Amino acid sequence: GLSRALTAAVAAGVFALVTSDIWR
């Protein structure tokens, strides 16, 4: 029911996955 929260969560997750600093 919280579309803005879900959208922000998915966007943050995708960004984190492709960031090598997050990997380390």
mmCIF file of all heavy atoms, coordinates in Angstrom:
data_MODEL
# 
_entry.id   MODEL 
# 
loop_
_atom_site.group_PDB 
_atom_site.id 
_atom_site.type_symbol 
_atom_site.label_atom_id 
_atom_site.label_alt_id 
_atom_site.label_comp_id 
_atom_site.label_asym_id 
_atom_site.label_entity_id 
_atom_site.label_seq_id 
_atom_site.pdbx_PDB_ins_code 
_atom_site.Cartn_x 
_atom_site.Cartn_y 
_atom_site.Cartn_z 
_atom_site.occupancy 
_atom_site.B_iso_or_equiv 
_atom_site.pdbx_formal_charge 
_atom_site.auth_seq_id 
_atom_site.auth_comp_id 
_atom_site.auth_asym_id 
_atom_site.auth_atom_id 
_atom_site.pdbx_PDB_model_num 
ATOM 1   N N   . GLY A 1 1  ? 0.793  -1.225 0.000   1.00 0.00 ? 1  GLY A N   1 
ATOM 2   C CA  . GLY A 1 1  ? 0.000  0.000  0.000   1.00 0.00 ? 1  GLY A CA  1 
ATOM 3   C C   . GLY A 1 1  ? 0.823  1.271  0.000   1.00 0.00 ? 1  GLY A C   1 
ATOM 4   O O   . GLY A 1 1  ? 0.275  2.365  -0.137  1.00 0.00 ? 1  GLY A O   1 
ATOM 5   N N   . LEU A 1 2  ? 2.134  1.149  0.181   1.00 0.00 ? 2  LEU A N   1 
ATOM 6   C CA  . LEU A 1 2  ? 2.982  2.339  0.261   1.00 0.00 ? 2  LEU A CA  1 
ATOM 7   C C   . LEU A 1 2  ? 3.847  2.432  -0.991  1.00 0.00 ? 2  LEU A C   1 
ATOM 8   O O   . LEU A 1 2  ? 5.011  2.053  -1.000  1.00 0.00 ? 2  LEU A O   1 
ATOM 9   C CB  . LEU A 1 2  ? 3.851  2.266  1.529   1.00 0.00 ? 2  LEU A CB  1 
ATOM 10  C CG  . LEU A 1 2  ? 3.075  2.203  2.852   1.00 0.00 ? 2  LEU A CG  1 
ATOM 11  C CD1 . LEU A 1 2  ? 4.019  1.955  4.007   1.00 0.00 ? 2  LEU A CD1 1 
ATOM 12  C CD2 . LEU A 1 2  ? 2.273  3.463  3.070   1.00 0.00 ? 2  LEU A CD2 1 
ATOM 13  N N   . SER A 1 3  ? 3.273  2.954  -2.056  1.00 0.00 ? 3  SER A N   1 
ATOM 14  C CA  . SER A 1 3  ? 3.954  2.946  -3.351  1.00 0.00 ? 3  SER A CA  1 
ATOM 15  C C   . SER A 1 3  ? 5.228  3.788  -3.349  1.00 0.00 ? 3  SER A C   1 
ATOM 16  O O   . SER A 1 3  ? 6.236  3.398  -3.930  1.00 0.00 ? 3  SER A O   1 
ATOM 17  C CB  . SER A 1 3  ? 3.003  3.448  -4.434  1.00 0.00 ? 3  SER A CB  1 
ATOM 18  O OG  . SER A 1 3  ? 2.520  4.745  -4.119  1.00 0.00 ? 3  SER A OG  1 
ATOM 19  N N   . ARG A 1 4  ? 5.212  4.946  -2.689  1.00 0.00 ? 4  ARG A N   1 
ATOM 20  C CA  . ARG A 1 4  ? 6.409  5.802  -2.689  1.00 0.00 ? 4  ARG A CA  1 
ATOM 21  C C   . ARG A 1 4  ? 7.546  5.149  -1.910  1.00 0.00 ? 4  ARG A C   1 
ATOM 22  O O   . ARG A 1 4  ? 8.703  5.187  -2.321  1.00 0.00 ? 4  ARG A O   1 
ATOM 23  C CB  . ARG A 1 4  ? 6.077  7.169  -2.090  1.00 0.00 ? 4  ARG A CB  1 
ATOM 24  C CG  . ARG A 1 4  ? 5.177  8.023  -2.964  1.00 0.00 ? 4  ARG A CG  1 
ATOM 25  C CD  . ARG A 1 4  ? 4.924  9.388  -2.324  1.00 0.00 ? 4  ARG A CD  1 
ATOM 26  N NE  . ARG A 1 4  ? 4.072  10.215 -3.159  1.00 0.00 ? 4  ARG A NE  1 
ATOM 27  C CZ  . ARG A 1 4  ? 2.753  10.290 -3.043  1.00 0.00 ? 4  ARG A CZ  1 
ATOM 28  N NH1 . ARG A 1 4  ? 2.137  9.554  -2.127  1.00 0.00 ? 4  ARG A NH1 1 
ATOM 29  N NH2 . ARG A 1 4  ? 2.045  11.070 -3.833  1.00 0.00 ? 4  ARG A NH2 1 
ATOM 30  N N   . ALA A 1 5  ? 7.215  4.530  -0.783  1.00 0.00 ? 5  ALA A N   1 
ATOM 31  C CA  . ALA A 1 5  ? 8.231  3.849  0.022   1.00 0.00 ? 5  ALA A CA  1 
ATOM 32  C C   . ALA A 1 5  ? 8.822  2.674  -0.750  1.00 0.00 ? 5  ALA A C   1 
ATOM 33  O O   . ALA A 1 5  ? 10.038 2.462  -0.758  1.00 0.00 ? 5  ALA A O   1 
ATOM 34  C CB  . ALA A 1 5  ? 7.628  3.369  1.342   1.00 0.00 ? 5  ALA A CB  1 
ATOM 35  N N   . LEU A 1 6  ? 7.973  1.914  -1.414  1.00 0.00 ? 6  LEU A N   1 
ATOM 36  C CA  . LEU A 1 6  ? 8.439  0.756  -2.167  1.00 0.00 ? 6  LEU A CA  1 
ATOM 37  C C   . LEU A 1 6  ? 9.306  1.180  -3.354  1.00 0.00 ? 6  LEU A C   1 
ATOM 38  O O   . LEU A 1 6  ? 10.351 0.584  -3.622  1.00 0.00 ? 6  LEU A O   1 
ATOM 39  C CB  . LEU A 1 6  ? 7.234  -0.058 -2.645  1.00 0.00 ? 6  LEU A CB  1 
ATOM 40  C CG  . LEU A 1 6  ? 7.510  -1.462 -3.171  1.00 0.00 ? 6  LEU A CG  1 
ATOM 41  C CD1 . LEU A 1 6  ? 8.268  -2.294 -2.153  1.00 0.00 ? 6  LEU A CD1 1 
ATOM 42  C CD2 . LEU A 1 6  ? 6.209  -2.145 -3.555  1.00 0.00 ? 6  LEU A CD2 1 
ATOM 43  N N   . THR A 1 7  ? 8.893  2.222  -4.042  1.00 0.00 ? 7  THR A N   1 
ATOM 44  C CA  . THR A 1 7  ? 9.676  2.731  -5.170  1.00 0.00 ? 7  THR A CA  1 
ATOM 45  C C   . THR A 1 7  ? 11.052 3.206  -4.715  1.00 0.00 ? 7  THR A C   1 
ATOM 46  O O   . THR A 1 7  ? 12.069 2.899  -5.345  1.00 0.00 ? 7  THR A O   1 
ATOM 47  C CB  . THR A 1 7  ? 8.934  3.892  -5.865  1.00 0.00 ? 7  THR A CB  1 
ATOM 48  O OG1 . THR A 1 7  ? 7.672  3.403  -6.336  1.00 0.00 ? 7  THR A OG1 1 
ATOM 49  C CG2 . THR A 1 7  ? 9.725  4.445  -7.028  1.00 0.00 ? 7  THR A CG2 1 
ATOM 50  N N   . ALA A 1 8  ? 11.083 3.954  -3.614  1.00 0.00 ? 8  ALA A N   1 
ATOM 51  C CA  . ALA A 1 8  ? 12.356 4.445  -3.091  1.00 0.00 ? 8  ALA A CA  1 
ATOM 52  C C   . ALA A 1 8  ? 13.247 3.294  -2.649  1.00 0.00 ? 8  ALA A C   1 
ATOM 53  O O   . ALA A 1 8  ? 14.467 3.312  -2.851  1.00 0.00 ? 8  ALA A O   1 
ATOM 54  C CB  . ALA A 1 8  ? 12.110 5.401  -1.923  1.00 0.00 ? 8  ALA A CB  1 
ATOM 55  N N   . ALA A 1 9  ? 12.655 2.267  -2.045  1.00 0.00 ? 9  ALA A N   1 
ATOM 56  C CA  . ALA A 1 9  ? 13.421 1.116  -1.579  1.00 0.00 ? 9  ALA A CA  1 
ATOM 57  C C   . ALA A 1 9  ? 14.057 0.370  -2.751  1.00 0.00 ? 9  ALA A C   1 
ATOM 58  O O   . ALA A 1 9  ? 15.241 0.019  -2.718  1.00 0.00 ? 9  ALA A O   1 
ATOM 59  C CB  . ALA A 1 9  ? 12.523 0.170  -0.781  1.00 0.00 ? 9  ALA A CB  1 
ATOM 60  N N   . VAL A 1 10 ? 13.282 0.132  -3.798  1.00 0.00 ? 10 VAL A N   1 
ATOM 61  C CA  . VAL A 1 10 ? 13.812 -0.586 -4.963  1.00 0.00 ? 10 VAL A CA  1 
ATOM 62  C C   . VAL A 1 10 ? 14.903 0.236  -5.653  1.00 0.00 ? 10 VAL A C   1 
ATOM 63  O O   . VAL A 1 10 ? 15.954 -0.302 -6.038  1.00 0.00 ? 10 VAL A O   1 
ATOM 64  C CB  . VAL A 1 10 ? 12.670 -0.928 -5.947  1.00 0.00 ? 10 VAL A CB  1 
ATOM 65  C CG1 . VAL A 1 10 ? 13.230 -1.484 -7.243  1.00 0.00 ? 10 VAL A CG1 1 
ATOM 66  C CG2 . VAL A 1 10 ? 11.714 -1.937 -5.308  1.00 0.00 ? 10 VAL A CG2 1 
ATOM 67  N N   . ALA A 1 11 ? 14.683 1.542  -5.775  1.00 0.00 ? 11 ALA A N   1 
ATOM 68  C CA  . ALA A 1 11 ? 15.691 2.400  -6.409  1.00 0.00 ? 11 ALA A CA  1 
ATOM 69  C C   . ALA A 1 11 ? 16.992 2.392  -5.623  1.00 0.00 ? 11 ALA A C   1 
ATOM 70  O O   . ALA A 1 11 ? 18.088 2.284  -6.197  1.00 0.00 ? 11 ALA A O   1 
ATOM 71  C CB  . ALA A 1 11 ? 15.155 3.828  -6.533  1.00 0.00 ? 11 ALA A CB  1 
ATOM 72  N N   . ALA A 1 12 ? 16.895 2.490  -4.291  1.00 0.00 ? 12 ALA A N   1 
ATOM 73  C CA  . ALA A 1 12 ? 18.091 2.459  -3.452  1.00 0.00 ? 12 ALA A CA  1 
ATOM 74  C C   . ALA A 1 12 ? 18.797 1.118  -3.559  1.00 0.00 ? 12 ALA A C   1 
ATOM 75  O O   . ALA A 1 12 ? 20.033 1.044  -3.591  1.00 0.00 ? 12 ALA A O   1 
ATOM 76  C CB  . ALA A 1 12 ? 17.715 2.750  -1.992  1.00 0.00 ? 12 ALA A CB  1 
ATOM 77  N N   . GLY A 1 13 ? 18.020 0.040  -3.630  1.00 0.00 ? 13 GLY A N   1 
ATOM 78  C CA  . GLY A 1 13 ? 18.612 -1.289 -3.733  1.00 0.00 ? 13 GLY A CA  1 
ATOM 79  C C   . GLY A 1 13 ? 19.358 -1.502 -5.035  1.00 0.00 ? 13 GLY A C   1 
ATOM 80  O O   . GLY A 1 13 ? 20.465 -2.043 -5.052  1.00 0.00 ? 13 GLY A O   1 
ATOM 81  N N   . VAL A 1 14 ? 18.775 -1.073 -6.138  1.00 0.00 ? 14 VAL A N   1 
ATOM 82  C CA  . VAL A 1 14 ? 19.435 -1.226 -7.439  1.00 0.00 ? 14 VAL A CA  1 
ATOM 83  C C   . VAL A 1 14 ? 20.721 -0.408 -7.481  1.00 0.00 ? 14 VAL A C   1 
ATOM 84  O O   . VAL A 1 14 ? 21.763 -0.872 -7.956  1.00 0.00 ? 14 VAL A O   1 
ATOM 85  C CB  . VAL A 1 14 ? 18.481 -0.807 -8.582  1.00 0.00 ? 14 VAL A CB  1 
ATOM 86  C CG1 . VAL A 1 14 ? 19.222 -0.735 -9.906  1.00 0.00 ? 14 VAL A CG1 1 
ATOM 87  C CG2 . VAL A 1 14 ? 17.322 -1.800 -8.681  1.00 0.00 ? 14 VAL A CG2 1 
ATOM 88  N N   . PHE A 1 15 ? 20.658 0.812  -6.952  1.00 0.00 ? 15 PHE A N   1 
ATOM 89  C CA  . PHE A 1 15 ? 21.865 1.651  -6.919  1.00 0.00 ? 15 PHE A CA  1 
ATOM 90  C C   . PHE A 1 15 ? 22.966 0.991  -6.092  1.00 0.00 ? 15 PHE A C   1 
ATOM 91  O O   . PHE A 1 15 ? 24.134 0.979  -6.476  1.00 0.00 ? 15 PHE A O   1 
ATOM 92  C CB  . PHE A 1 15 ? 21.530 3.027  -6.346  1.00 0.00 ? 15 PHE A CB  1 
ATOM 93  C CG  . PHE A 1 15 ? 22.726 3.920  -6.196  1.00 0.00 ? 15 PHE A CG  1 
ATOM 94  C CD1 . PHE A 1 15 ? 23.287 4.549  -7.301  1.00 0.00 ? 15 PHE A CD1 1 
ATOM 95  C CD2 . PHE A 1 15 ? 23.313 4.118  -4.950  1.00 0.00 ? 15 PHE A CD2 1 
ATOM 96  C CE1 . PHE A 1 15 ? 24.402 5.366  -7.175  1.00 0.00 ? 15 PHE A CE1 1 
ATOM 97  C CE2 . PHE A 1 15 ? 24.432 4.929  -4.811  1.00 0.00 ? 15 PHE A CE2 1 
ATOM 98  C CZ  . PHE A 1 15 ? 24.972 5.553  -5.926  1.00 0.00 ? 15 PHE A CZ  1 
ATOM 99  N N   . ALA A 1 16 ? 22.592 0.417  -4.940  1.00 0.00 ? 16 ALA A N   1 
ATOM 100 C CA  . ALA A 1 16 ? 23.584 -0.219 -4.068  1.00 0.00 ? 16 ALA A CA  1 
ATOM 101 C C   . ALA A 1 16 ? 24.226 -1.427 -4.747  1.00 0.00 ? 16 ALA A C   1 
ATOM 102 O O   . ALA A 1 16 ? 25.424 -1.675 -4.599  1.00 0.00 ? 16 ALA A O   1 
ATOM 103 C CB  . ALA A 1 16 ? 22.931 -0.633 -2.753  1.00 0.00 ? 16 ALA A CB  1 
ATOM 104 N N   . LEU A 1 17 ? 23.429 -2.185 -5.499  1.00 0.00 ? 17 LEU A N   1 
ATOM 105 C CA  . LEU A 1 17 ? 23.945 -3.404 -6.130  1.00 0.00 ? 17 LEU A CA  1 
ATOM 106 C C   . LEU A 1 17 ? 25.027 -3.137 -7.167  1.00 0.00 ? 17 LEU A C   1 
ATOM 107 O O   . LEU A 1 17 ? 25.871 -3.990 -7.405  1.00 0.00 ? 17 LEU A O   1 
ATOM 108 C CB  . LEU A 1 17 ? 22.801 -4.177 -6.792  1.00 0.00 ? 17 LEU A CB  1 
ATOM 109 C CG  . LEU A 1 17 ? 22.015 -5.121 -5.894  1.00 0.00 ? 17 LEU A CG  1 
ATOM 110 C CD1 . LEU A 1 17 ? 20.880 -5.753 -6.679  1.00 0.00 ? 17 LEU A CD1 1 
ATOM 111 C CD2 . LEU A 1 17 ? 22.901 -6.195 -5.295  1.00 0.00 ? 17 LEU A CD2 1 
ATOM 112 N N   . VAL A 1 18 ? 25.006 -1.985 -7.802  1.00 0.00 ? 18 VAL A N   1 
ATOM 113 C CA  . VAL A 1 18 ? 25.977 -1.713 -8.864  1.00 0.00 ? 18 VAL A CA  1 
ATOM 114 C C   . VAL A 1 18 ? 27.101 -0.796 -8.399  1.00 0.00 ? 18 VAL A C   1 
ATOM 115 O O   . VAL A 1 18 ? 27.835 -0.245 -9.208  1.00 0.00 ? 18 VAL A O   1 
ATOM 116 C CB  . VAL A 1 18 ? 25.272 -1.093 -10.100 1.00 0.00 ? 18 VAL A CB  1 
ATOM 117 C CG1 . VAL A 1 18 ? 24.285 -2.079 -10.687 1.00 0.00 ? 18 VAL A CG1 1 
ATOM 118 C CG2 . VAL A 1 18 ? 24.576 0.221  -9.745  1.00 0.00 ? 18 VAL A CG2 1 
ATOM 119 N N   . THR A 1 19 ? 27.255 -0.661 -7.078  1.00 0.00 ? 19 THR A N   1 
ATOM 120 C CA  . THR A 1 19 ? 28.287 0.212  -6.522  1.00 0.00 ? 19 THR A CA  1 
ATOM 121 C C   . THR A 1 19 ? 29.362 -0.642 -5.855  1.00 0.00 ? 19 THR A C   1 
ATOM 122 O O   . THR A 1 19 ? 29.091 -1.344 -4.873  1.00 0.00 ? 19 THR A O   1 
ATOM 123 C CB  . THR A 1 19 ? 27.673 1.180  -5.488  1.00 0.00 ? 19 THR A CB  1 
ATOM 124 O OG1 . THR A 1 19 ? 26.592 1.888  -6.098  1.00 0.00 ? 19 THR A OG1 1 
ATOM 125 C CG2 . THR A 1 19 ? 28.701 2.174  -4.980  1.00 0.00 ? 19 THR A CG2 1 
ATOM 126 N N   . SER A 1 20 ? 30.579 -0.559 -6.355  1.00 0.00 ? 20 SER A N   1 
ATOM 127 C CA  . SER A 1 20 ? 31.649 -1.419 -5.842  1.00 0.00 ? 20 SER A CA  1 
ATOM 128 C C   . SER A 1 20 ? 31.994 -1.108 -4.386  1.00 0.00 ? 20 SER A C   1 
ATOM 129 O O   . SER A 1 20 ? 32.430 -2.003 -3.646  1.00 0.00 ? 20 SER A O   1 
ATOM 130 C CB  . SER A 1 20 ? 32.897 -1.292 -6.717  1.00 0.00 ? 20 SER A CB  1 
ATOM 131 O OG  . SER A 1 20 ? 33.373 0.040  -6.744  1.00 0.00 ? 20 SER A OG  1 
ATOM 132 N N   . ASP A 1 21 ? 31.825 0.130  -3.953  1.00 0.00 ? 21 ASP A N   1 
ATOM 133 C CA  . ASP A 1 21 ? 32.073 0.446  -2.536  1.00 0.00 ? 21 ASP A CA  1 
ATOM 134 C C   . ASP A 1 21 ? 31.117 -0.325 -1.626  1.00 0.00 ? 21 ASP A C   1 
ATOM 135 O O   . ASP A 1 21 ? 31.506 -0.763 -0.536  1.00 0.00 ? 21 ASP A O   1 
ATOM 136 C CB  . ASP A 1 21 ? 31.911 1.952  -2.285  1.00 0.00 ? 21 ASP A CB  1 
ATOM 137 C CG  . ASP A 1 21 ? 33.044 2.767  -2.888  1.00 0.00 ? 21 ASP A CG  1 
ATOM 138 O OD1 . ASP A 1 21 ? 34.123 2.189  -3.145  1.00 0.00 ? 21 ASP A OD1 1 
ATOM 139 O OD2 . ASP A 1 21 ? 32.854 3.979  -3.110  1.00 0.00 ? 21 ASP A OD2 1 
ATOM 140 N N   . ILE A 1 22 ? 29.879 -0.484 -2.060  1.00 0.00 ? 22 ILE A N   1 
ATOM 141 C CA  . ILE A 1 22 ? 28.899 -1.267 -1.294  1.00 0.00 ? 22 ILE A CA  1 
ATOM 142 C C   . ILE A 1 22 ? 29.332 -2.725 -1.244  1.00 0.00 ? 22 ILE A C   1 
ATOM 143 O O   . ILE A 1 22 ? 29.199 -3.389 -0.215  1.00 0.00 ? 22 ILE A O   1 
ATOM 144 C CB  . ILE A 1 22 ? 27.494 -1.143 -1.913  1.00 0.00 ? 22 ILE A CB  1 
ATOM 145 C CG1 . ILE A 1 22 ? 27.033 0.322  -1.931  1.00 0.00 ? 22 ILE A CG1 1 
ATOM 146 C CG2 . ILE A 1 22 ? 26.488 -2.013 -1.179  1.00 0.00 ? 22 ILE A CG2 1 
ATOM 147 C CD1 . ILE A 1 22 ? 26.924 0.960  -0.579  1.00 0.00 ? 22 ILE A CD1 1 
ATOM 148 N N   . TRP A 1 23 ? 29.877 -3.241 -2.341  1.00 0.00 ? 23 TRP A N   1 
ATOM 149 C CA  . TRP A 1 23 ? 30.372 -4.620 -2.351  1.00 0.00 ? 23 TRP A CA  1 
ATOM 150 C C   . TRP A 1 23 ? 31.434 -4.815 -1.269  1.00 0.00 ? 23 TRP A C   1 
ATOM 151 O O   . TRP A 1 23 ? 31.397 -5.787 -0.522  1.00 0.00 ? 23 TRP A O   1 
ATOM 152 C CB  . TRP A 1 23 ? 30.980 -4.964 -3.701  1.00 0.00 ? 23 TRP A CB  1 
ATOM 153 C CG  . TRP A 1 23 ? 30.082 -4.831 -4.894  1.00 0.00 ? 23 TRP A CG  1 
ATOM 154 C CD1 . TRP A 1 23 ? 28.734 -4.591 -4.883  1.00 0.00 ? 23 TRP A CD1 1 
ATOM 155 C CD2 . TRP A 1 23 ? 30.474 -4.925 -6.261  1.00 0.00 ? 23 TRP A CD2 1 
ATOM 156 N NE1 . TRP A 1 23 ? 28.272 -4.528 -6.173  1.00 0.00 ? 23 TRP A NE1 1 
ATOM 157 C CE2 . TRP A 1 23 ? 29.311 -4.733 -7.050  1.00 0.00 ? 23 TRP A CE2 1 
ATOM 158 C CE3 . TRP A 1 23 ? 31.686 -5.152 -6.901  1.00 0.00 ? 23 TRP A CE3 1 
ATOM 159 C CZ2 . TRP A 1 23 ? 29.333 -4.753 -8.435  1.00 0.00 ? 23 TRP A CZ2 1 
ATOM 160 C CZ3 . TRP A 1 23 ? 31.714 -5.191 -8.291  1.00 0.00 ? 23 TRP A CZ3 1 
ATOM 161 C CH2 . TRP A 1 23 ? 30.545 -4.992 -9.053  1.00 0.00 ? 23 TRP A CH2 1 
ATOM 162 N N   . ARG A 1 24 ? 32.381 -3.865 -1.215  1.00 0.00 ? 24 ARG A N   1 
ATOM 163 C CA  . ARG A 1 24 ? 33.483 -3.990 -0.256  1.00 0.00 ? 24 ARG A CA  1 
ATOM 164 C C   . ARG A 1 24 ? 32.990 -3.828 1.181   1.00 0.00 ? 24 ARG A C   1 
ATOM 165 O O   . ARG A 1 24 ? 33.463 -4.523 2.087   1.00 0.00 ? 24 ARG A O   1 
ATOM 166 C CB  . ARG A 1 24 ? 34.578 -2.973 -0.584  1.00 0.00 ? 24 ARG A CB  1 
ATOM 167 C CG  . ARG A 1 24 ? 35.368 -3.329 -1.851  1.00 0.00 ? 24 ARG A CG  1 
ATOM 168 C CD  . ARG A 1 24 ? 36.596 -2.448 -2.033  1.00 0.00 ? 24 ARG A CD  1 
ATOM 169 N NE  . ARG A 1 24 ? 36.229 -1.085 -2.406  1.00 0.00 ? 24 ARG A NE  1 
ATOM 170 C CZ  . ARG A 1 24 ? 36.072 -0.675 -3.670  1.00 0.00 ? 24 ARG A CZ  1 
ATOM 171 N NH1 . ARG A 1 24 ? 36.241 -1.526 -4.667  1.00 0.00 ? 24 ARG A NH1 1 
ATOM 172 N NH2 . ARG A 1 24 ? 35.764 0.575  -3.927  1.00 0.00 ? 24 ARG A NH2 1 
# 
